[in-house]
Protein backbone atom coordinates (compact mmCIF):
# COMPACT_ATOMS: atom_id res chain seq x y z
CA MET A 1 48.00 109.04 69.10
CA ASN A 2 50.05 112.00 70.23
CA LEU A 3 48.63 114.90 68.24
CA PRO A 4 48.48 118.32 69.89
CA GLY A 5 45.18 119.99 70.50
CA MET A 6 44.84 123.74 70.79
CA THR A 7 47.80 125.89 71.76
CA GLY A 8 47.37 128.92 73.98
CA ILE A 9 48.50 132.51 73.62
CA THR A 10 49.07 133.16 77.30
CA ASP A 11 50.53 131.57 80.41
CA ASP A 12 47.30 132.24 82.33
CA PRO A 13 46.12 128.85 83.74
CA GLN A 14 42.50 129.91 83.36
CA MET A 15 42.99 130.53 79.65
CA TRP A 16 44.71 127.18 79.27
CA ASP A 17 41.71 125.57 80.97
CA LYS A 18 39.36 127.40 78.58
CA ALA A 19 41.47 126.28 75.62
CA GLU A 20 41.25 122.64 76.72
CA LYS A 21 37.49 122.87 77.13
CA GLU A 22 37.20 124.49 73.70
CA THR A 23 39.28 121.66 72.20
CA GLU A 24 36.91 119.12 73.75
CA ARG A 25 33.92 121.04 72.39
CA LEU A 26 35.57 121.17 68.96
CA LEU A 27 36.07 117.40 68.99
CA GLU A 28 32.41 116.77 69.77
CA THR A 29 31.36 119.13 66.97
CA LEU A 30 33.71 117.48 64.49
CA LYS A 31 32.41 114.00 65.29
CA LYS A 32 29.08 115.21 63.88
CA GLU A 33 30.27 117.45 61.05
CA VAL A 34 33.57 116.15 59.66
CA ARG A 35 33.54 114.35 56.29
CA VAL A 36 36.00 111.74 55.11
CA GLU A 37 36.78 109.86 51.92
CA GLY A 38 38.96 106.83 52.52
CA ARG A 39 40.61 104.35 50.21
CA ASP A 40 42.86 101.37 50.78
CA ILE A 41 46.38 101.83 49.43
CA GLY A 42 47.66 98.44 50.55
CA LEU A 43 47.03 95.84 53.22
CA LEU A 44 46.72 97.68 56.56
CA ARG A 45 47.34 101.05 54.87
CA LYS A 46 44.72 103.69 54.16
CA GLU A 47 44.54 107.16 52.61
CA LEU A 48 42.08 109.60 54.21
CA ARG A 49 40.80 112.82 52.64
CA ILE A 50 39.34 114.75 55.59
CA THR A 51 37.12 117.81 55.14
CA VAL A 52 36.09 120.27 57.86
CA PRO A 53 33.03 122.40 56.91
CA ALA A 54 33.45 126.18 56.74
CA THR A 55 30.63 126.60 59.29
CA VAL A 56 32.65 124.73 61.92
CA ILE A 57 35.72 126.87 61.27
CA ALA A 58 33.75 130.13 61.41
CA GLU A 59 31.88 129.20 64.58
CA HIS A 60 35.01 128.22 66.50
CA MET A 61 37.00 131.16 65.19
CA GLU A 62 34.28 133.49 66.46
CA HIS A 63 34.16 131.67 69.80
CA ASN A 64 37.92 131.95 70.22
CA TYR A 65 37.86 135.70 69.57
CA SER A 66 34.89 136.17 71.91
CA GLU A 67 36.76 134.40 74.70
CA LEU A 68 39.94 136.29 73.94
CA MET A 69 38.18 139.66 74.12
CA HIS A 70 37.66 139.12 77.87
CA ASP A 71 41.29 138.29 78.60
CA ALA A 72 43.48 139.92 75.97
CA LEU A 73 46.15 142.34 77.16
CA VAL A 74 46.71 145.13 74.64
CA PRO A 75 49.00 148.08 75.50
CA GLY A 76 46.98 151.23 76.27
CA PHE A 77 43.86 149.34 77.31
CA ARG A 78 42.69 147.63 80.48
CA LYS A 79 42.34 143.85 80.39
CA GLY A 80 39.37 142.89 78.23
CA ARG A 81 38.71 146.48 77.07
CA ALA A 82 40.62 146.55 73.75
CA PRO A 83 38.58 146.97 70.55
CA ARG A 84 37.97 143.81 68.51
CA ARG A 85 39.94 145.12 65.51
CA LEU A 86 43.07 145.63 67.68
CA VAL A 87 42.72 142.21 69.27
CA GLU A 88 42.45 140.63 65.83
CA LYS A 89 45.45 142.59 64.58
CA ARG A 90 47.60 141.70 67.60
CA PHE A 91 46.58 138.07 68.08
CA GLY A 92 45.06 137.10 64.72
CA ALA A 93 47.98 134.99 63.46
CA GLU A 94 48.29 133.11 66.76
CA VAL A 95 44.55 132.46 66.99
CA ARG A 96 44.47 131.16 63.43
CA ASP A 97 47.54 128.95 63.88
CA SER A 98 46.14 127.64 67.15
CA LEU A 99 42.79 126.82 65.56
CA THR A 100 44.52 125.14 62.59
CA THR A 101 46.45 122.89 64.96
CA ALA A 102 43.31 122.07 66.91
CA ILE A 103 41.18 121.41 63.82
CA VAL A 104 43.72 119.09 62.17
CA GLY A 105 44.41 117.15 65.37
CA GLN A 106 40.81 116.88 66.52
CA SER A 107 39.35 116.19 63.06
CA PHE A 108 41.67 113.21 62.73
CA TYR A 109 40.60 111.99 66.19
CA ALA A 110 36.97 112.43 65.17
CA VAL A 111 37.44 110.44 61.94
CA ALA A 112 39.35 107.68 63.73
CA GLU A 113 36.56 107.36 66.29
CA ASN A 114 33.71 107.61 63.79
CA GLU A 115 35.27 105.10 61.39
CA LYS A 116 36.59 102.89 64.21
CA ILE A 117 40.11 103.15 62.82
CA GLU A 118 42.90 101.79 65.02
CA THR A 119 46.13 103.26 63.73
CA LEU A 120 49.68 101.99 63.99
CA GLY A 121 51.48 105.17 65.02
CA ASP A 122 50.54 108.70 64.02
CA PRO A 123 49.35 109.69 60.54
CA LEU A 124 51.59 111.16 57.88
CA PHE A 125 50.23 114.24 56.11
CA ARG A 126 50.45 114.87 52.36
CA ILE A 127 51.92 118.30 51.67
CA GLU A 128 52.45 119.93 48.26
CA LEU A 129 55.91 121.51 48.10
CA GLU A 130 57.91 123.08 45.34
CA GLY A 131 59.88 119.87 44.90
CA GLY A 132 56.73 117.73 44.77
CA THR A 133 54.31 115.96 47.08
CA LYS A 134 55.74 114.86 50.42
CA LEU A 135 54.50 112.87 53.42
CA VAL A 136 55.43 114.54 56.71
CA ASP A 137 54.64 114.17 60.41
CA PHE A 138 52.22 116.40 62.29
CA GLY A 139 54.80 118.94 63.43
CA GLU A 140 56.11 119.60 59.93
CA ALA A 141 52.60 119.57 58.45
CA MET A 142 51.59 122.42 60.74
CA GLN A 143 54.20 124.61 59.05
CA HIS A 144 52.34 124.23 55.74
CA LEU A 145 48.65 123.58 56.41
CA LYS A 146 46.62 126.81 56.66
CA LEU A 147 42.91 127.46 57.15
CA PRO A 148 41.31 129.07 54.09
CA ALA A 149 39.95 132.61 54.30
CA GLU A 150 36.59 131.14 53.43
CA GLY A 151 35.14 127.77 52.46
CA ASP A 152 35.81 124.25 53.68
CA PHE A 153 39.23 123.08 54.86
CA ALA A 154 40.55 119.74 53.57
CA TYR A 155 43.76 117.76 53.96
CA THR A 156 45.00 114.28 53.07
CA CYS A 157 46.86 111.87 55.30
CA GLU A 158 48.02 108.27 55.20
CA VAL A 159 47.71 105.85 58.11
CA GLU A 160 48.83 102.33 58.85
CA LEU A 161 46.25 100.19 60.60
CA LYS A 162 46.40 97.65 63.36
CA PRO A 163 45.15 94.26 62.20
CA SER A 164 41.90 92.80 63.52
CA PHE A 165 42.09 89.28 64.97
CA GLU A 166 40.97 86.98 67.79
CA LEU A 167 43.27 85.67 70.50
CA PRO A 168 43.60 81.93 71.21
CA ALA A 169 43.00 80.46 74.67
CA LEU A 170 45.49 82.03 77.08
CA GLU A 171 45.35 79.53 79.93
CA GLY A 172 46.82 76.04 79.94
CA ILE A 173 49.36 76.65 77.17
CA PRO A 174 51.44 73.44 76.77
CA VAL A 175 55.09 74.07 77.61
CA LYS A 176 57.98 71.62 77.99
CA ALA A 177 60.48 72.50 80.67
CA ALA A 178 63.96 72.96 79.23
CA ASP A 179 67.39 71.77 80.36
CA VAL A 180 69.97 73.69 78.34
CA ALA A 181 73.42 72.13 78.07
CA ILE A 182 76.47 74.44 78.08
CA THR A 183 78.68 73.66 75.07
CA PRO A 184 82.28 74.71 74.30
CA GLU A 185 80.91 76.82 71.42
CA MET A 186 78.70 78.72 73.86
CA VAL A 187 81.74 79.38 76.08
CA GLU A 188 83.79 80.80 73.18
CA GLU A 189 80.85 82.93 72.02
CA HIS A 190 80.40 84.28 75.55
CA ILE A 191 84.06 85.30 75.77
CA LEU A 192 84.07 86.95 72.34
CA ARG A 193 80.88 88.87 73.13
CA ARG A 194 82.46 90.23 76.32
CA ARG A 195 85.63 91.20 74.47
CA ARG A 196 83.58 92.98 71.81
CA LEU A 197 81.67 94.81 74.52
CA ARG A 198 84.98 96.23 75.68
CA GLY A 199 86.26 96.81 72.14
CA ARG A 200 85.91 99.87 69.93
CA PHE A 201 85.82 100.97 66.32
CA GLU A 202 89.24 102.18 65.25
CA PRO A 203 90.31 103.82 61.95
CA VAL A 204 92.12 101.54 59.50
CA THR A 205 94.11 102.35 56.38
CA THR A 206 93.21 99.12 54.59
CA ALA A 207 90.24 98.61 52.29
CA ALA A 208 86.82 98.18 53.92
CA GLN A 209 85.71 94.63 54.74
CA LYS A 210 82.32 93.14 55.63
CA ASP A 211 80.90 94.63 58.85
CA ASP A 212 83.46 97.45 58.89
CA GLN A 213 82.10 100.96 59.34
CA VAL A 214 82.59 103.75 56.83
CA ILE A 215 82.03 107.45 57.45
CA ALA A 216 80.63 108.97 54.27
CA ASP A 217 78.58 111.78 52.76
CA VAL A 218 75.46 110.11 51.35
CA VAL A 219 73.51 111.66 48.48
CA LEU A 220 70.28 110.33 46.95
CA PHE A 221 69.49 111.25 43.33
CA CYS A 222 66.30 110.68 41.35
CA ASP A 223 65.92 111.69 37.69
CA GLY A 224 69.34 113.35 38.00
CA VAL A 225 68.13 115.67 40.80
CA GLU A 226 69.58 115.60 44.32
CA ILE A 227 66.77 114.52 46.68
CA LYS A 228 68.56 114.13 50.02
CA ARG A 229 72.02 114.54 51.47
CA GLU A 230 73.46 113.38 54.80
CA ASP A 231 77.06 114.32 55.61
CA ASN A 232 79.40 112.19 57.74
CA GLN A 233 76.95 109.33 58.07
CA ALA A 234 78.17 106.09 59.67
CA LEU A 235 77.38 103.06 57.50
CA GLY A 236 78.04 99.38 58.06
CA VAL A 237 79.55 97.43 55.17
CA ARG A 238 76.50 95.21 54.90
CA PRO A 239 72.98 95.34 53.43
CA ALA A 240 71.01 98.23 54.92
CA ARG A 241 67.97 100.46 54.52
CA LEU A 242 68.69 104.15 53.93
CA GLU A 243 65.90 106.75 53.93
CA GLY A 244 63.50 103.79 53.97
CA ILE A 245 65.05 102.43 50.75
CA PRO A 246 66.40 98.84 50.94
CA LEU A 247 69.95 98.42 49.62
CA ILE A 248 70.47 94.67 49.70
CA HIS A 249 73.82 94.89 47.89
CA LEU A 250 75.34 97.73 49.93
CA ASP A 251 77.99 95.35 51.26
CA GLU A 252 79.15 94.72 47.68
CA THR A 253 79.02 98.45 46.87
CA LEU A 254 81.24 99.42 49.81
CA ALA A 255 83.50 96.36 49.90
CA GLY A 256 87.11 97.36 49.28
CA VAL A 257 86.41 101.10 49.45
CA GLN A 258 89.13 103.38 50.87
CA PRO A 259 89.03 106.93 52.23
CA GLY A 260 88.66 109.48 49.44
CA GLU A 261 86.80 107.14 47.09
CA THR A 262 83.23 107.54 45.81
CA ARG A 263 80.94 104.56 45.21
CA THR A 264 77.44 104.47 43.70
CA THR A 265 74.53 102.04 43.69
CA ASP A 266 71.14 102.08 41.97
CA CYS A 267 67.89 101.72 43.90
CA THR A 268 64.11 101.75 43.51
CA ILE A 269 62.07 104.25 45.54
CA PRO A 270 59.65 102.18 47.72
CA PRO A 271 55.84 102.64 47.71
CA ASP A 272 55.82 104.26 51.17
CA PHE A 273 58.53 106.86 50.48
CA GLU A 274 57.78 110.26 52.03
CA ARG A 275 57.57 111.92 48.60
CA ALA A 276 54.61 110.35 46.84
CA ASP A 277 55.68 111.73 43.44
CA LEU A 278 58.90 109.69 43.54
CA ARG A 279 57.43 106.33 44.54
CA GLY A 280 58.30 103.52 42.18
CA LYS A 281 60.98 105.53 40.36
CA SER A 282 64.63 104.56 39.93
CA GLY A 283 67.19 106.36 42.04
CA ARG A 284 70.92 106.38 42.73
CA PHE A 285 72.92 106.68 45.95
CA GLU A 286 76.41 108.16 45.97
CA PHE A 287 78.78 107.54 48.88
CA HIS A 288 81.75 109.90 49.30
CA VAL A 289 83.88 108.00 51.83
CA HIS A 290 85.99 109.89 54.39
CA GLU A 291 87.06 107.14 56.80
CA VAL A 292 87.01 103.37 57.33
CA LYS A 293 86.72 101.93 60.85
CA ARG A 294 86.86 98.39 62.21
CA LEU A 295 85.59 96.97 65.50
CA VAL A 296 88.57 95.66 67.41
CA PRO A 297 87.73 93.43 70.40
CA GLU A 298 89.77 94.03 73.53
CA PRO A 299 93.02 92.05 73.19
CA MET A 300 92.83 88.67 74.94
CA GLU A 301 95.74 89.49 77.27
CA ASP A 302 94.18 92.75 78.41
CA PHE A 303 90.81 91.07 78.82
CA ILE A 304 92.26 88.31 80.99
CA LYS A 305 94.07 90.84 83.16
CA ALA A 306 90.96 92.98 83.51
CA TYR A 307 89.21 90.01 85.13
CA GLY A 308 92.17 89.16 87.36
CA LEU A 309 92.81 85.80 85.72
CA ALA A 310 96.12 84.10 84.87
CA SER A 311 95.44 82.25 81.60
CA GLU A 312 92.99 81.55 78.78
CA GLN A 313 92.14 78.25 80.46
CA GLU A 314 91.08 80.07 83.63
CA LEU A 315 89.08 82.48 81.47
CA ARG A 316 87.21 79.61 79.81
CA GLU A 317 86.49 78.04 83.18
CA ALA A 318 85.18 81.36 84.46
CA ALA A 319 83.05 81.81 81.31
CA ARG A 320 81.57 78.34 81.76
CA GLU A 321 80.76 79.18 85.39
CA ASP A 322 79.02 82.37 84.18
CA LEU A 323 76.92 80.37 81.73
CA GLU A 324 76.12 77.71 84.32
CA ALA A 325 74.91 80.51 86.59
CA GLU A 326 72.76 81.72 83.70
CA ARG A 327 71.37 78.24 83.03
CA ASP A 328 68.10 79.13 84.76
CA THR A 329 67.82 82.21 82.55
CA LEU A 330 68.49 80.13 79.44
CA ASN A 331 65.94 77.52 80.50
CA GLU A 332 63.39 80.26 81.17
CA ARG A 333 64.11 81.81 77.78
CA ALA A 334 63.43 78.45 76.11
CA LYS A 335 60.04 78.18 77.84
CA ARG A 336 59.14 81.74 76.90
CA ALA A 337 59.95 80.96 73.27
CA GLN A 338 57.42 78.10 73.38
CA VAL A 339 54.72 80.47 74.66
CA GLU A 340 55.52 82.91 71.87
CA ASN A 341 55.38 80.13 69.28
CA TYR A 342 51.99 79.01 70.64
CA LEU A 343 50.59 82.52 70.27
CA LEU A 344 51.97 82.85 66.74
CA GLU A 345 50.78 79.44 65.56
CA ASN A 346 47.28 79.82 66.99
CA THR A 347 46.48 83.39 65.96
CA LYS A 348 45.12 84.11 62.48
CA LEU A 349 46.47 87.50 61.51
CA ASP A 350 47.03 88.88 58.02
CA LEU A 351 50.11 91.00 57.38
CA PRO A 352 51.33 92.74 54.21
CA THR A 353 53.61 90.79 51.89
CA GLU A 354 55.84 93.87 51.71
CA PHE A 355 56.48 95.88 54.86
CA SER A 356 56.68 99.66 55.03
CA ALA A 357 59.67 101.33 56.67
CA ARG A 358 57.50 102.13 59.70
CA GLN A 359 56.36 98.51 60.09
CA THR A 360 59.91 97.26 59.69
CA ASP A 361 61.17 99.75 62.26
CA ARG A 362 58.53 98.56 64.74
CA ALA A 363 59.95 95.03 64.48
CA VAL A 364 63.54 96.28 64.48
CA LEU A 365 63.11 98.41 67.61
CA ARG A 366 61.62 95.43 69.43
CA GLN A 367 64.74 93.43 68.59
CA VAL A 368 67.07 96.29 69.55
CA VAL A 369 65.59 96.58 73.04
CA ASN A 370 65.65 92.82 73.49
CA LEU A 371 69.31 92.57 72.46
CA ARG A 372 70.37 95.51 74.61
CA GLN A 373 68.69 93.89 77.59
CA ARG A 374 70.74 90.77 76.89
CA GLY A 375 73.98 92.78 76.70
CA MET A 376 74.87 92.26 73.03
CA PRO A 377 77.69 94.55 71.82
CA LEU A 378 76.32 97.68 70.15
CA GLY A 379 78.22 96.99 66.92
CA ASP A 380 76.59 93.56 66.69
CA ILE A 381 73.18 95.12 67.33
CA GLU A 382 73.70 97.56 64.44
CA ALA A 383 74.55 94.63 62.15
CA ARG A 384 71.43 92.81 63.33
CA ILE A 385 69.32 95.89 62.60
CA ASP A 386 70.59 96.09 59.04
CA GLU A 387 69.95 92.38 58.52
CA LEU A 388 66.34 92.70 59.67
CA ARG A 389 65.73 95.78 57.53
CA THR A 390 66.95 94.20 54.33
CA HIS A 391 66.82 90.40 54.29
CA ALA A 392 64.89 88.85 57.16
CA SER A 393 61.33 89.49 55.96
CA GLU A 394 60.06 86.32 57.66
CA GLU A 395 61.59 87.39 60.94
CA VAL A 396 60.18 90.91 60.58
CA ALA A 397 56.75 89.34 60.01
CA ARG A 398 57.19 87.21 63.11
CA GLU A 399 58.19 90.17 65.28
CA LEU A 400 55.35 92.32 63.96
CA LYS A 401 52.77 89.60 64.51
CA LEU A 402 54.05 88.81 67.99
CA GLY A 403 54.00 92.50 68.88
CA PHE A 404 50.36 92.87 67.78
CA VAL A 405 49.32 89.71 69.62
CA LEU A 406 51.04 90.61 72.89
CA GLU A 407 49.65 94.14 72.73
CA LYS A 408 46.15 92.64 72.63
CA VAL A 409 47.01 90.16 75.40
CA ALA A 410 48.16 93.05 77.60
CA ALA A 411 44.93 94.92 76.95
CA GLN A 412 42.82 91.85 77.72
CA LEU A 413 44.70 91.09 80.93
CA GLY A 414 44.95 94.74 82.01
CA ILE A 415 48.76 94.59 82.29
CA GLU A 416 50.53 97.93 82.77
CA VAL A 417 54.13 99.05 83.34
CA THR A 418 55.32 101.21 86.24
CA ASP A 419 58.07 103.83 86.22
CA GLU A 420 59.97 101.72 88.74
CA GLU A 421 59.99 98.76 86.35
CA VAL A 422 61.32 100.95 83.54
CA ASN A 423 64.06 102.41 85.73
CA THR A 424 65.06 98.92 86.92
CA ALA A 425 65.42 97.75 83.31
CA ILE A 426 67.53 100.80 82.43
CA ALA A 427 69.73 100.24 85.49
CA ARG A 428 70.41 96.67 84.37
CA MET A 429 71.43 97.87 80.90
CA ALA A 430 73.70 100.47 82.46
CA ALA A 431 75.42 97.78 84.53
CA VAL A 432 75.91 95.48 81.51
CA TYR A 433 77.43 98.23 79.34
CA ASN A 434 79.31 99.82 82.24
CA LYS A 435 77.63 103.20 81.69
CA ARG A 436 75.85 105.70 83.89
CA PHE A 437 72.10 105.32 84.34
CA ASP A 438 71.30 108.79 83.00
CA ARG A 439 73.51 108.27 79.93
CA VAL A 440 71.70 105.03 79.05
CA ARG A 441 68.28 106.58 79.65
CA ASP A 442 69.11 109.61 77.50
CA ASP A 443 70.49 107.37 74.75
CA LEU A 444 67.31 105.26 74.73
CA GLN A 445 65.23 108.42 74.58
CA SER A 446 67.21 109.96 71.71
CA ARG A 447 67.03 106.75 69.68
CA GLY A 448 63.27 106.40 70.17
CA LEU A 449 63.75 103.24 72.22
CA LEU A 450 62.27 104.32 75.54
CA ALA A 451 58.68 103.75 74.43
CA GLN A 452 59.73 100.43 72.94
CA LEU A 453 61.36 99.45 76.25
CA VAL A 454 58.05 100.08 78.02
CA GLU A 455 56.31 97.92 75.42
CA GLN A 456 58.91 95.18 75.80
CA ILE A 457 58.49 95.16 79.59
CA ARG A 458 54.71 94.96 79.15
CA HIS A 459 55.10 92.04 76.75
CA ASP A 460 57.49 90.27 79.15
CA LYS A 461 54.89 90.62 81.91
CA CYS A 462 52.32 89.06 79.58
CA ILE A 463 54.58 86.05 79.00
CA ASP A 464 55.12 85.78 82.79
CA TRP A 465 51.35 85.64 83.30
CA LEU A 466 50.89 83.05 80.56
CA LEU A 467 53.67 80.85 81.98
CA LYS A 468 52.09 80.87 85.43
CA SER A 469 48.90 79.40 83.99
CA ALA A 470 50.65 77.09 81.48
CA LYS A 471 50.76 73.29 81.62
CA ILE A 472 54.45 72.58 82.25
CA GLU A 473 55.78 69.18 81.23
CA PRO A 474 58.97 68.22 83.14
CA ALA A 475 62.23 68.33 81.19
CA ALA A 476 63.93 65.11 80.10
CA GLN A 477 67.04 64.44 82.15
CA SER A 478 70.20 65.44 80.25
CA THR A 479 73.12 63.04 80.18
């Protein structure tokens, strides 16, 4: 969890220390006093109605003002000498907002601890807006949730839960050593991947084709009312998930489109959509297309010259040498896949038949980090993301399950990740994509991938540990 506690109204370190202690005291009180009504709204999903008694609010409000009276700076009065009514007038809104933030954050912590709830990510809070009920994150919820002038304070949130399961035996996993053969198809794929890495999306005047990119204004309608709009959004001409809504026929909708055209497609609002009042309803997306782009790999002649080679034959020989040098990596990857399969096949773990956008994104982000570490062209990664989000439900299930299992393995083995290990991984990515370290780090951060990179490194270390204790059967000699 990453919910804030109590905010301060001063830069005084002593007051910050007092605020932290008050937050801790509030948490202990709430563990005893908070009330909760929970109900399952799907496998591994729960709705919580959390109520904080008025007595808790009043007691902590009074305590906050009592503490503030000793430290408040009010013009015309010495420190701590201002009348209570002036302190309340000057700092009342900040004290109330601060206590609201603390009560929401700490009451959720208290409920999670009391009910032994292990959440997948932070909760989403149900807020009543003019346009209807909406699920929002903590930061946005704090703009709407207010403590009542009197009486109990209640709010509703939805959480996704980590599954409960037992791990199989972790030592002596049977693994067959691999001996990967380098094929002509692997050589051609290696060359194309490198050319695509050095390629770029360029505007085209022809109609859009599969895996092209269109730049469009995207509008979502429901019951004839505009729900969301995103201008100049980049979309692949392939199935995708927009605003958490799967569009499995988006490739057909956008195929053949040209700049200036508008295309539409119908959709169904999913059961985890942020606006609860729209869930299950029919909707419609409109795409107002401005531009069509196509990924153009670096021309073969330029690519050959860039590597100082004389012909395509020399390029293929060099590519084969690269792959031969990577043979150990490929063999290691094959062994790691066997360890992963062992964990998956020997762990009983129930997952939903339909995945929420958050669950799907967890699996997708794991794949994104993995592919970036391997140096896959960014355009290919985007296509892979869309495929996972729309079609590959079995693969999403596999990634989710493996992520849960390896998270528990890491906890059982006490495996952690250092800053040095993270920086080393980022440096390798930077070298593969020929970019500066800080640019790659900032890009990972902005895309929400930095935390996933840490998780991926932790999982890789788990596999390393399991391989060291595995029973390795020698590889059959290749001919």
